[in-house]
Amino acid sequence: MALHSTGRIDDLIVQLERLQSDAHDIFNARVEELRRDSPNAGFGALKTKLLAPAGPAVNYVEALKLLRRGLTGR
């Protein structure tokens, strides 16, 4: 892939945003299930506990947007 293939970058951004949104929805639904068992637990604390084992991750959507901005100025 040529680095100046901004069309491909745009396609990847759309696909990653869709996947990221779906993943958020899945995890949010799971957190709501956990809150039914532990009503005093905060949403954020439960979500952090659920996601923490996955470790830190690169936000590829934002990284691609920065790359595109550097290539195209938009």
Protein backbone atom coordinates (compact mmCIF):
# COMPACT_ATOMS: atom_id res chain seq x y z
CA MET A 1 0.00 0.00 0.00
CA ALA A 2 1.41 3.35 -1.00
CA LEU A 3 1.57 5.79 1.88
CA HIS A 4 -0.36 8.33 -0.16
CA SER A 5 -3.36 6.02 -0.56
CA THR A 6 -5.58 8.24 1.54
CA GLY A 7 -8.68 6.54 0.14
CA ARG A 8 -7.54 3.31 1.79
CA ILE A 9 -6.83 5.18 5.03
CA ASP A 10 -10.34 6.65 4.91
CA ASP A 11 -11.80 3.15 4.38
CA LEU A 12 -9.84 1.78 7.33
CA ILE A 13 -10.97 4.63 9.57
CA VAL A 14 -14.62 3.92 8.76
CA GLN A 15 -14.20 0.17 9.34
CA LEU A 16 -12.30 0.64 12.61
CA GLU A 17 -14.81 3.19 13.89
CA ARG A 18 -17.63 0.73 13.19
CA LEU A 19 -15.80 -2.11 14.94
CA GLN A 20 -14.88 0.12 17.86
CA SER A 21 -18.51 1.20 18.23
CA ASP A 22 -19.68 -2.42 18.16
CA ALA A 23 -17.07 -3.38 20.75
CA HIS A 24 -18.16 -0.51 23.03
CA ASP A 25 -21.78 -1.63 22.75
CA ILE A 26 -20.86 -5.22 23.64
CA PHE A 27 -18.78 -4.19 26.66
CA ASN A 28 -21.39 -1.68 27.83
CA ALA A 29 -24.06 -4.40 27.69
CA ARG A 30 -21.84 -6.71 29.73
CA VAL A 31 -21.20 -3.99 32.31
CA GLU A 32 -24.95 -3.43 32.64
CA GLU A 33 -25.36 -7.18 33.28
CA LEU A 34 -22.66 -7.02 35.98
CA ARG A 35 -24.36 -3.99 37.56
CA ARG A 36 -27.54 -6.02 38.03
CA ASP A 37 -25.50 -8.37 40.25
CA SER A 38 -23.63 -5.51 41.95
CA PRO A 39 -25.93 -2.47 41.93
CA ASN A 40 -23.59 -0.42 44.12
CA ALA A 41 -20.67 -0.79 41.70
CA GLY A 42 -20.04 2.17 39.42
CA PHE A 43 -20.30 1.74 35.66
CA GLY A 44 -16.80 3.12 35.04
CA ALA A 45 -15.17 0.99 37.70
CA LEU A 46 -16.78 -2.18 36.35
CA LYS A 47 -15.85 -1.34 32.78
CA THR A 48 -12.25 -0.64 33.78
CA LYS A 49 -12.10 -3.92 35.68
CA LEU A 50 -13.48 -5.76 32.66
CA LEU A 51 -11.13 -4.12 30.14
CA ALA A 52 -7.92 -3.79 32.19
CA PRO A 53 -6.67 -7.33 31.51
CA ALA A 54 -6.54 -6.51 27.79
CA GLY A 55 -3.80 -3.98 28.54
CA PRO A 56 -3.13 -0.64 26.92
CA ALA A 57 -3.88 -0.42 23.22
CA VAL A 58 -3.16 1.93 20.39
CA ASN A 59 -6.17 3.88 19.19
CA TYR A 60 -5.71 3.11 15.50
CA VAL A 61 -8.65 5.25 14.43
CA GLU A 62 -7.07 8.39 15.89
CA ALA A 63 -3.60 7.35 14.68
CA LEU A 64 -4.91 6.97 11.12
CA LYS A 65 -6.69 10.30 11.32
CA LEU A 66 -3.41 11.95 12.36
CA LEU A 67 -1.58 10.19 9.51
CA ARG A 68 -4.23 11.31 7.02
CA ARG A 69 -4.07 14.89 8.35
CA GLY A 70 -0.31 14.86 7.89
CA LEU A 71 -0.67 13.61 4.33
CA THR A 72 -3.59 15.72 3.19
CA GLY A 73 -3.96 18.58 5.65
CA ARG A 74 -7.54 17.47 6.48
